[in-house]
PDB file of N, CA and C in Angstrom:
ATOM      1  N   MET A   1      -2.400   1.244   0.690  1.00  0.00           N
ATOM      2  CA  MET A   1      -3.524   1.882   1.328  1.00  0.00           C
ATOM      3  C   MET A   1      -3.014   2.688   2.519  1.00  0.00           C
ATOM      4  N   LYS A   2      -3.625   3.828   2.712  1.00  0.00           N
ATOM      5  CA  LYS A   2      -3.186   4.725   3.775  1.00  0.00           C
ATOM      6  C   LYS A   2      -3.879   4.441   5.108  1.00  0.00           C
ATOM      7  N   TYR A   3      -5.177   4.181   5.079  1.00  0.00           N
ATOM      8  CA  TYR A   3      -5.882   3.989   6.348  1.00  0.00           C
ATOM      9  C   TYR A   3      -6.895   2.853   6.341  1.00  0.00           C
ATOM     10  N   LEU A   4      -7.195   2.298   5.200  1.00  0.00           N
ATOM     11  CA  LEU A   4      -8.049   1.106   5.163  1.00  0.00           C
ATOM     12  C   LEU A   4      -7.179  -0.138   5.149  1.00  0.00           C
ATOM     13  N   THR A   5      -7.749  -1.244   5.581  1.00  0.00           N
ATOM     14  CA  THR A   5      -7.079  -2.535   5.483  1.00  0.00           C
ATOM     15  C   THR A   5      -8.009  -3.490   4.743  1.00  0.00           C
ATOM     16  N   LEU A   6      -7.433  -4.540   4.189  1.00  0.00           N
ATOM     17  CA  LEU A   6      -8.268  -5.547   3.532  1.00  0.00           C
ATOM     18  C   LEU A   6      -9.252  -6.165   4.517  1.00  0.00           C
ATOM     19  N   GLU A   7      -8.817  -6.338   5.758  1.00  0.00           N
ATOM     20  CA  GLU A   7      -9.708  -6.906   6.777  1.00  0.00           C
ATOM     21  C   GLU A   7     -10.941  -6.016   6.986  1.00  0.00           C
ATOM     22  N   MET A   8     -10.725  -4.703   7.055  1.00  0.00           N
ATOM     23  CA  MET A   8     -11.841  -3.768   7.222  1.00  0.00           C
ATOM     24  C   MET A   8     -12.781  -3.826   6.022  1.00  0.00           C
ATOM     25  N   ILE A   9     -12.199  -3.824   4.828  1.00  0.00           N
ATOM     26  CA  ILE A   9     -12.994  -3.833   3.601  1.00  0.00           C
ATOM     27  C   ILE A   9     -13.818  -5.108   3.507  1.00  0.00           C
ATOM     28  N   LYS A  10     -13.188  -6.243   3.754  1.00  0.00           N
ATOM     29  CA  LYS A  10     -13.892  -7.519   3.661  1.00  0.00           C
ATOM     30  C   LYS A  10     -14.985  -7.635   4.723  1.00  0.00           C
ATOM     31  N   GLY A  11     -14.726  -7.119   5.905  1.00  0.00           N
ATOM     32  CA  GLY A  11     -15.748  -7.128   6.951  1.00  0.00           C
ATOM     33  C   GLY A  11     -16.928  -6.254   6.575  1.00  0.00           C
ATOM     34  N   HIS A  12     -16.640  -5.062   6.067  1.00  0.00           N
ATOM     35  CA  HIS A  12     -17.700  -4.138   5.662  1.00  0.00           C
ATOM     36  C   HIS A  12     -18.537  -4.716   4.524  1.00  0.00           C
ATOM     37  N   SER A  13     -17.863  -5.293   3.548  1.00  0.00           N
ATOM     38  CA  SER A  13     -18.549  -5.792   2.351  1.00  0.00           C
ATOM     39  C   SER A  13     -18.949  -7.261   2.444  1.00  0.00           C
ATOM     40  N   ARG A  14     -18.637  -7.880   3.565  1.00  0.00           N
ATOM     41  CA  ARG A  14     -18.971  -9.291   3.806  1.00  0.00           C
ATOM     42  C   ARG A  14     -18.378 -10.207   2.728  1.00  0.00           C
ATOM     43  N   ILE A  15     -17.103  -9.981   2.454  1.00  0.00           N
ATOM     44  CA  ILE A  15     -16.376 -10.795   1.469  1.00  0.00           C
ATOM     45  C   ILE A  15     -15.550 -11.810   2.235  1.00  0.00           C
ATOM     46  N   GLN A  16     -15.699 -13.094   1.894  1.00  0.00           N
ATOM     47  CA  GLN A  16     -15.036 -14.149   2.642  1.00  0.00           C
ATOM     48  C   GLN A  16     -13.948 -14.874   1.856  1.00  0.00           C
ATOM     49  N   PHE A  17     -13.647 -14.413   0.664  1.00  0.00           N
ATOM     50  CA  PHE A  17     -12.637 -15.087  -0.153  1.00  0.00           C
ATOM     51  C   PHE A  17     -11.507 -14.114  -0.465  1.00  0.00           C
ATOM     52  N   ASP A  18     -10.392 -14.664  -0.955  1.00  0.00           N
ATOM     53  CA  ASP A  18      -9.196 -13.859  -1.185  1.00  0.00           C
ATOM     54  C   ASP A  18      -8.886 -13.599  -2.656  1.00  0.00           C
ATOM     55  N   CYS A  19      -9.636 -14.176  -3.564  1.00  0.00           N
ATOM     56  CA  CYS A  19      -9.278 -14.112  -4.981  1.00  0.00           C
ATOM     57  C   CYS A  19      -9.369 -12.717  -5.588  1.00  0.00           C
ATOM     58  N   GLU A  20     -10.040 -11.780  -4.929  1.00  0.00           N
ATOM     59  CA  GLU A  20     -10.154 -10.428  -5.476  1.00  0.00           C
ATOM     60  C   GLU A  20      -9.448  -9.384  -4.611  1.00  0.00           C
ATOM     61  N   ASP A  21      -8.504  -9.813  -3.810  1.00  0.00           N
ATOM     62  CA  ASP A  21      -7.786  -8.889  -2.932  1.00  0.00           C
ATOM     63  C   ASP A  21      -7.089  -7.776  -3.708  1.00  0.00           C
ATOM     64  N   ASP A  22      -6.500  -8.112  -4.853  1.00  0.00           N
ATOM     65  CA  ASP A  22      -5.815  -7.094  -5.656  1.00  0.00           C
ATOM     66  C   ASP A  22      -6.808  -6.032  -6.140  1.00  0.00           C
ATOM     67  N   MET A  23      -7.981  -6.465  -6.566  1.00  0.00           N
ATOM     68  CA  MET A  23      -9.005  -5.526  -7.030  1.00  0.00           C
ATOM     69  C   MET A  23      -9.504  -4.666  -5.868  1.00  0.00           C
ATOM     70  N   LEU A  24      -9.714  -5.281  -4.716  1.00  0.00           N
ATOM     71  CA  LEU A  24     -10.151  -4.521  -3.540  1.00  0.00           C
ATOM     72  C   LEU A  24      -9.111  -3.480  -3.136  1.00  0.00           C
ATOM     73  N   GLN A  25      -7.844  -3.834  -3.255  1.00  0.00           N
ATOM     74  CA  GLN A  25      -6.789  -2.881  -2.922  1.00  0.00           C
ATOM     75  C   GLN A  25      -6.817  -1.693  -3.888  1.00  0.00           C
ATOM     76  N   LEU A  26      -7.011  -1.966  -5.168  1.00  0.00           N
ATOM     77  CA  LEU A  26      -7.122  -0.891  -6.154  1.00  0.00           C
ATOM     78  C   LEU A  26      -8.306   0.025  -5.821  1.00  0.00           C
ATOM     79  N   TYR A  27      -9.465  -0.574  -5.552  1.00  0.00           N
ATOM     80  CA  TYR A  27     -10.649   0.212  -5.199  1.00  0.00           C
ATOM     81  C   TYR A  27     -10.405   1.035  -3.935  1.00  0.00           C
ATOM     82  N   ALA A  28      -9.726   0.440  -2.955  1.00  0.00           N
ATOM     83  CA  ALA A  28      -9.465   1.136  -1.697  1.00  0.00           C
ATOM     84  C   ALA A  28      -8.530   2.323  -1.902  1.00  0.00           C
ATOM     85  N   GLU A  29      -7.472   2.121  -2.656  1.00  0.00           N
ATOM     86  CA  GLU A  29      -6.533   3.221  -2.904  1.00  0.00           C
ATOM     87  C   GLU A  29      -7.223   4.353  -3.662  1.00  0.00           C
ATOM     88  N   SER A  30      -8.045   4.005  -4.630  1.00  0.00           N
ATOM     89  CA  SER A  30      -8.789   5.018  -5.382  1.00  0.00           C
ATOM     90  C   SER A  30      -9.788   5.741  -4.477  1.00  0.00           C
ATOM     91  N   ALA A  31     -10.481   5.003  -3.623  1.00  0.00           N
ATOM     92  CA  ALA A  31     -11.461   5.609  -2.717  1.00  0.00           C
ATOM     93  C   ALA A  31     -10.777   6.530  -1.708  1.00  0.00           C
ATOM     94  N   GLU A  32      -9.654   6.094  -1.163  1.00  0.00           N
ATOM     95  CA  GLU A  32      -8.931   6.951  -0.224  1.00  0.00           C
ATOM     96  C   GLU A  32      -8.494   8.247  -0.900  1.00  0.00           C
ATOM     97  N   ASP A  33      -7.935   8.137  -2.098  1.00  0.00           N
ATOM     98  CA  ASP A  33      -7.517   9.337  -2.832  1.00  0.00           C
ATOM     99  C   ASP A  33      -8.707  10.250  -3.117  1.00  0.00           C
ATOM    100  N   THR A  34      -9.827   9.658  -3.507  1.00  0.00           N
ATOM    101  CA  THR A  34     -11.030  10.438  -3.791  1.00  0.00           C
ATOM    102  C   THR A  34     -11.507  11.183  -2.555  1.00  0.00           C
ATOM    103  N   VAL A  35     -11.565  10.496  -1.423  1.00  0.00           N
ATOM    104  CA  VAL A  35     -12.023  11.121  -0.179  1.00  0.00           C
ATOM    105  C   VAL A  35     -11.067  12.231   0.246  1.00  0.00           C
ATOM    106  N   LEU A  36      -9.780  11.980   0.206  1.00  0.00           N
ATOM    107  CA  LEU A  36      -8.816  13.016   0.591  1.00  0.00           C
ATOM    108  C   LEU A  36      -8.915  14.223  -0.335  1.00  0.00           C
ATOM    109  N   ASN A  37      -9.144  13.982  -1.622  1.00  0.00           N
ATOM    110  CA  ASN A  37      -9.347  15.095  -2.564  1.00  0.00           C
ATOM    111  C   ASN A  37     -10.625  15.863  -2.227  1.00  0.00           C
ATOM    112  N   MET A  38     -11.696  15.146  -1.899  1.00  0.00           N
ATOM    113  CA  MET A  38     -12.949  15.805  -1.530  1.00  0.00           C
ATOM    114  C   MET A  38     -12.769  16.668  -0.287  1.00  0.00           C
ATOM    115  N   LEU A  39     -11.952  16.193   0.643  1.00  0.00           N
ATOM    116  CA  LEU A  39     -11.711  16.921   1.888  1.00  0.00           C
ATOM    117  C   LEU A  39     -10.700  18.047   1.711  1.00  0.00           C
ATOM    118  N   ASN A  40     -10.005  18.035   0.588  1.00  0.00           N
ATOM    119  CA  ASN A  40      -8.935  19.004   0.335  1.00  0.00           C
ATOM    120  C   ASN A  40      -7.858  18.888   1.416  1.00  0.00           C
ATOM    121  N   ARG A  41      -7.550  17.628   1.784  1.00  0.00           N
ATOM    122  CA  ARG A  41      -6.568  17.337   2.831  1.00  0.00           C
ATOM    123  C   ARG A  41      -5.641  16.224   2.375  1.00  0.00           C
ATOM    124  N   SER A  42      -4.479  16.162   2.996  1.00  0.00           N
ATOM    125  CA  SER A  42      -3.601  15.010   2.827  1.00  0.00           C
ATOM    126  C   SER A  42      -3.871  14.053   3.992  1.00  0.00           C
ATOM    127  N   TYR A  43      -3.392  12.834   3.864  1.00  0.00           N
ATOM    128  CA  TYR A  43      -3.533  11.867   4.952  1.00  0.00           C
ATOM    129  C   TYR A  43      -2.861  12.414   6.215  1.00  0.00           C
ATOM    130  N   ASP A  44      -1.631  12.933   6.074  1.00  0.00           N
ATOM    131  CA  ASP A  44      -0.894  13.450   7.227  1.00  0.00           C
ATOM    132  C   ASP A  44      -1.622  14.622   7.887  1.00  0.00           C
ATOM    133  N   ASP A  45      -2.225  15.486   7.082  1.00  0.00           N
ATOM    134  CA  ASP A  45      -2.977  16.621   7.616  1.00  0.00           C
ATOM    135  C   ASP A  45      -4.181  16.137   8.429  1.00  0.00           C
ATOM    136  N   LEU A  46      -4.860  15.148   7.914  1.00  0.00           N
ATOM    137  CA  LEU A  46      -6.038  14.608   8.593  1.00  0.00           C
ATOM    138  C   LEU A  46      -5.656  14.007   9.941  1.00  0.00           C
ATOM    139  N   VAL A  47      -4.594  13.213   9.947  1.00  0.00           N
ATOM    140  CA  VAL A  47      -4.145  12.585  11.197  1.00  0.00           C
ATOM    141  C   VAL A  47      -3.614  13.644  12.159  1.00  0.00           C
ATOM    142  N   SER A  48      -2.928  14.629  11.637  1.00  0.00           N
ATOM    143  CA  SER A  48      -2.402  15.706  12.483  1.00  0.00           C
ATOM    144  C   SER A  48      -3.543  16.480  13.148  1.00  0.00           C
ATOM    145  N   ALA A  49      -4.603  16.737  12.413  1.00  0.00           N
ATOM    146  CA  ALA A  49      -5.726  17.519  12.936  1.00  0.00           C
ATOM    147  C   ALA A  49      -6.571  16.748  13.944  1.00  0.00           C
ATOM    148  N   TYR A  50      -6.711  15.427  13.759  1.00  0.00           N
ATOM    149  CA  TYR A  50      -7.639  14.646  14.587  1.00  0.00           C
ATOM    150  C   TYR A  50      -6.975  13.525  15.380  1.00  0.00           C
ATOM    151  N   GLY A  51      -5.678  13.341  15.221  1.00  0.00           N
ATOM    152  CA  GLY A  51      -4.983  12.283  15.945  1.00  0.00           C
ATOM    153  C   GLY A  51      -5.092  10.925  15.279  1.00  0.00           C
ATOM    154  N   GLU A  52      -6.038  10.788  14.398  1.00  0.00           N
ATOM    155  CA  GLU A  52      -6.279   9.561  13.625  1.00  0.00           C
ATOM    156  C   GLU A  52      -7.242   9.939  12.508  1.00  0.00           C
ATOM    157  N   VAL A  53      -7.488   9.013  11.614  1.00  0.00           N
ATOM    158  CA  VAL A  53      -8.500   9.262  10.588  1.00  0.00           C
ATOM    159  C   VAL A  53      -9.860   9.113  11.260  1.00  0.00           C
ATOM    160  N   PRO A  54     -10.692  10.157  11.228  1.00  0.00           N
ATOM    161  CA  PRO A  54     -12.000  10.077  11.891  1.00  0.00           C
ATOM    162  C   PRO A  54     -12.857   8.928  11.343  1.00  0.00           C
ATOM    163  N   LYS A  55     -13.602   8.325  12.219  1.00  0.00           N
ATOM    164  CA  LYS A  55     -14.437   7.177  11.839  1.00  0.00           C
ATOM    165  C   LYS A  55     -15.432   7.484  10.718  1.00  0.00           C
ATOM    166  N   PRO A  56     -16.065   8.669  10.691  1.00  0.00           N
ATOM    167  CA  PRO A  56     -16.951   8.958   9.564  1.00  0.00           C
ATOM    168  C   PRO A  56     -16.212   8.973   8.216  1.00  0.00           C
ATOM    169  N   VAL A  57     -14.961   9.401   8.222  1.00  0.00           N
ATOM    170  CA  VAL A  57     -14.163   9.396   6.997  1.00  0.00           C
ATOM    171  C   VAL A  57     -13.880   7.956   6.574  1.00  0.00           C
ATOM    172  N   ILE A  58     -13.559   7.113   7.535  1.00  0.00           N
ATOM    173  CA  ILE A  58     -13.339   5.690   7.233  1.00  0.00           C
ATOM    174  C   ILE A  58     -14.615   5.068   6.692  1.00  0.00           C
ATOM    175  N   GLN A  59     -15.752   5.341   7.331  1.00  0.00           N
ATOM    176  CA  GLN A  59     -17.027   4.781   6.878  1.00  0.00           C
ATOM    177  C   GLN A  59     -17.339   5.221   5.449  1.00  0.00           C
ATOM    178  N   ALA A  60     -17.179   6.496   5.158  1.00  0.00           N
ATOM    179  CA  ALA A  60     -17.448   6.995   3.804  1.00  0.00           C
ATOM    180  C   ALA A  60     -16.537   6.327   2.786  1.00  0.00           C
ATOM    181  N   THR A  61     -15.283   6.124   3.143  1.00  0.00           N
ATOM    182  CA  THR A  61     -14.338   5.484   2.228  1.00  0.00           C
ATOM    183  C   THR A  61     -14.718   4.026   1.996  1.00  0.00           C
ATOM    184  N   LEU A  62     -15.115   3.342   3.052  1.00  0.00           N
ATOM    185  CA  LEU A  62     -15.567   1.952   2.901  1.00  0.00           C
ATOM    186  C   LEU A  62     -16.799   1.870   2.000  1.00  0.00           C
ATOM    187  N   MET A  63     -17.687   2.850   2.112  1.00  0.00           N
ATOM    188  CA  MET A  63     -18.877   2.862   1.259  1.00  0.00           C
ATOM    189  C   MET A  63     -18.496   3.037  -0.209  1.00  0.00           C
ATOM    190  N   LEU A  64     -17.498   3.882  -0.471  1.00  0.00           N
ATOM    191  CA  LEU A  64     -17.036   4.049  -1.849  1.00  0.00           C
ATOM    192  C   LEU A  64     -16.405   2.769  -2.393  1.00  0.00           C
ATOM    193  N   VAL A  65     -15.614   2.096  -1.560  1.00  0.00           N
ATOM    194  CA  VAL A  65     -15.005   0.830  -1.988  1.00  0.00           C
ATOM    195  C   VAL A  65     -16.093  -0.187  -2.298  1.00  0.00           C
ATOM    196  N   ASP A  66     -17.054  -0.313  -1.405  1.00  0.00           N
ATOM    197  CA  ASP A  66     -18.140  -1.275  -1.598  1.00  0.00           C
ATOM    198  C   ASP A  66     -18.933  -0.962  -2.859  1.00  0.00           C
ATOM    199  N   ASN A  67     -19.212   0.311  -3.091  1.00  0.00           N
ATOM    200  CA  ASN A  67     -19.943   0.706  -4.288  1.00  0.00           C
ATOM    201  C   ASN A  67     -19.158   0.355  -5.555  1.00  0.00           C
ATOM    202  N   SER A  68     -17.849   0.574  -5.525  1.00  0.00           N
ATOM    203  CA  SER A  68     -17.009   0.222  -6.682  1.00  0.00           C
ATOM    204  C   SER A  68     -16.976  -1.287  -6.895  1.00  0.00           C
ATOM    205  N   TYR A  69     -16.946  -2.035  -5.808  1.00  0.00           N
ATOM    206  CA  TYR A  69     -16.894  -3.494  -5.896  1.00  0.00           C
ATOM    207  C   TYR A  69     -18.196  -4.069  -6.460  1.00  0.00           C
ATOM    208  N   ILE A  70     -19.310  -3.565  -5.984  1.00  0.00           N
ATOM    209  CA  ILE A  70     -20.613  -4.087  -6.406  1.00  0.00           C
ATOM    210  C   ILE A  70     -20.985  -3.606  -7.803  1.00  0.00           C
ATOM    211  N   ASN A  71     -20.691  -2.368  -8.111  1.00  0.00           N
ATOM    212  CA  ASN A  71     -21.063  -1.764  -9.397  1.00  0.00           C
ATOM    213  C   ASN A  71     -19.802  -1.529 -10.217  1.00  0.00           C
ATOM    214  N   ARG A  72     -19.343  -2.552 -10.891  1.00  0.00           N
ATOM    215  CA  ARG A  72     -18.059  -2.488 -11.575  1.00  0.00           C
ATOM    216  C   ARG A  72     -18.097  -1.783 -12.918  1.00  0.00           C
ATOM    217  N   SER A  73     -19.250  -1.442 -13.375  1.00  0.00           N
ATOM    218  CA  SER A  73     -19.325  -0.694 -14.633  1.00  0.00           C
ATOM    219  C   SER A  73     -20.201   0.537 -14.412  1.00  0.00           C
ATOM    220  N   PRO A  74     -20.039   1.543 -15.270  1.00  0.00           N
ATOM    221  CA  PRO A  74     -20.794   2.772 -15.073  1.00  0.00           C
ATOM    222  C   PRO A  74     -22.274   2.675 -15.434  1.00  0.00           C
ATOM    223  N   VAL A  75     -22.666   1.572 -16.076  1.00  0.00           N
ATOM    224  CA  VAL A  75     -24.054   1.402 -16.498  1.00  0.00           C
ATOM    225  C   VAL A  75     -24.564   0.076 -15.947  1.00  0.00           C
ATOM    226  N   SER A  76     -25.820   0.071 -15.536  1.00  0.00           N
ATOM    227  CA  SER A  76     -26.414  -1.131 -14.985  1.00  0.00           C
ATOM    228  C   SER A  76     -27.855  -1.269 -15.477  1.00  0.00           C
ATOM    229  N   PRO A  77     -28.310  -2.492 -15.686  1.00  0.00           N
ATOM    230  CA  PRO A  77     -29.703  -2.674 -16.082  1.00  0.00           C
ATOM    231  C   PRO A  77     -30.673  -2.422 -14.925  1.00  0.00           C
ATOM    232  N   GLN A  78     -30.148  -2.393 -13.703  1.00  0.00           N
ATOM    233  CA  GLN A  78     -30.988  -2.161 -12.528  1.00  0.00           C
ATOM    234  C   GLN A  78     -31.053  -0.671 -12.232  1.00  0.00           C
ATOM    235  N   GLN A  79     -32.069  -0.275 -11.514  1.00  0.00           N
ATOM    236  CA  GLN A  79     -32.177   1.106 -11.065  1.00  0.00           C
ATOM    237  C   GLN A  79     -31.116   1.354 -10.001  1.00  0.00           C
ATOM    238  N   MET A  80     -30.318   2.369 -10.193  1.00  0.00           N
ATOM    239  CA  MET A  80     -29.266   2.690  -9.236  1.00  0.00           C
ATOM    240  C   MET A  80     -29.745   3.847  -8.353  1.00  0.00           C
ATOM    241  N   TYR A  81     -29.456   3.758  -7.087  1.00  0.00           N
ATOM    242  CA  TYR A  81     -29.803   4.814  -6.156  1.00  0.00           C
ATOM    243  C   TYR A  81     -28.524   5.484  -5.674  1.00  0.00           C
ATOM    244  N   MET A  82     -28.600   6.766  -5.478  1.00  0.00           N
ATOM    245  CA  MET A  82     -27.413   7.535  -5.146  1.00  0.00           C
ATOM    246  C   MET A  82     -27.016   7.353  -3.691  1.00  0.00           C
ATOM    247  N   VAL A  83     -25.789   6.922  -3.473  1.00  0.00           N
ATOM    248  CA  VAL A  83     -25.221   6.778  -2.145  1.00  0.00           C
ATOM    249  C   VAL A  83     -24.448   8.031  -1.742  1.00  0.00           C
ATOM    250  N   PRO A  84     -23.951   8.836  -2.693  1.00  0.00           N
ATOM    251  CA  PRO A  84     -23.084   9.945  -2.328  1.00  0.00           C
ATOM    252  C   PRO A  84     -23.645  10.918  -1.292  1.00  0.00           C
ATOM    253  N   TYR A  85     -24.973  11.081  -1.175  1.00  0.00           N
ATOM    254  CA  TYR A  85     -25.491  11.986  -0.161  1.00  0.00           C
ATOM    255  C   TYR A  85     -25.031  11.549   1.222  1.00  0.00           C
ATOM    256  N   THR A  86     -25.091  10.278   1.497  1.00  0.00           N
ATOM    257  CA  THR A  86     -24.623   9.757   2.781  1.00  0.00           C
ATOM    258  C   THR A  86     -23.146  10.048   2.948  1.00  0.00           C
ATOM    259  N   ILE A  87     -22.386   9.845   1.892  1.00  0.00           N
ATOM    260  CA  ILE A  87     -20.951  10.102   1.933  1.00  0.00           C
ATOM    261  C   ILE A  87     -20.699  11.586   2.201  1.00  0.00           C
ATOM    262  N   ASP A  88     -21.447  12.456   1.531  1.00  0.00           N
ATOM    263  CA  ASP A  88     -21.293  13.899   1.759  1.00  0.00           C
ATOM    264  C   ASP A  88     -21.558  14.266   3.216  1.00  0.00           C
ATOM    265  N   VAL A  89     -22.590  13.709   3.790  1.00  0.00           N
ATOM    266  CA  VAL A  89     -22.942  14.006   5.181  1.00  0.00           C
ATOM    267  C   VAL A  89     -21.810  13.552   6.119  1.00  0.00           C
ATOM    268  N   LEU A  90     -21.221  12.400   5.846  1.00  0.00           N
ATOM    269  CA  LEU A  90     -20.144  11.889   6.678  1.00  0.00           C
ATOM    270  C   LEU A  90     -18.889  12.753   6.563  1.00  0.00           C
ATOM    271  N   LEU A  91     -18.606  13.252   5.368  1.00  0.00           N
ATOM    272  CA  LEU A  91     -17.363  13.970   5.123  1.00  0.00           C
ATOM    273  C   LEU A  91     -17.431  15.471   5.393  1.00  0.00           C
ATOM    274  N   LYS A  92     -18.606  16.044   5.321  1.00  0.00           N
ATOM    275  CA  LYS A  92     -18.752  17.510   5.375  1.00  0.00           C
ATOM    276  C   LYS A  92     -18.016  18.165   6.554  1.00  0.00           C
ATOM    277  N   PRO A  93     -18.070  17.611   7.766  1.00  0.00           N
ATOM    278  CA  PRO A  93     -17.393  18.283   8.879  1.00  0.00           C
ATOM    279  C   PRO A  93     -15.868  18.355   8.756  1.00  0.00           C
ATOM    280  N   TYR A  94     -15.297  17.542   7.877  1.00  0.00           N
ATOM    281  CA  TYR A  94     -13.834  17.449   7.786  1.00  0.00           C
ATOM    282  C   TYR A  94     -13.267  18.160   6.567  1.00  0.00           C
ATOM    283  N   ILE A  95     -14.125  18.792   5.769  1.00  0.00           N
ATOM    284  CA  ILE A  95     -13.692  19.459   4.541  1.00  0.00           C
ATOM    285  C   ILE A  95     -13.024  20.794   4.873  1.00  0.00           C
ATOM    286  N   ILE A  96     -11.901  21.037   4.218  1.00  0.00           N
ATOM    287  CA  ILE A  96     -11.266  22.347   4.284  1.00  0.00           C
ATOM    288  C   ILE A  96     -11.667  23.085   3.037  1.00  0.00           C
ATOM    289  N   LEU A  97     -12.279  24.252   3.212  1.00  0.00           N
ATOM    290  CA  LEU A  97     -12.709  25.045   2.058  1.00  0.00           C
ATOM    291  C   LEU A  97     -11.618  25.966   1.591  1.00  0.00           C
TER     292      LEU A  97
END
């Protein structure tokens, strides 16, 4: 993971056990890559531009990890509501066009 930690993920998602740490790491790495791709930036570019990974970028990435953890398949019997709008709002200021 480039900027998330298991401690951050578990705190955000309120996970108190360790048996799924490997899965959380996979979700985190995928979410970080997805966010960096959305921003059209590398990790080093982001840190160079802002001195650190901006908190809204971290929050959006944590939301993606949590969504992947809770919704492990692409189909659900429950009504799903779109979270990406919130993620877009958090990331928009950091996107390079």
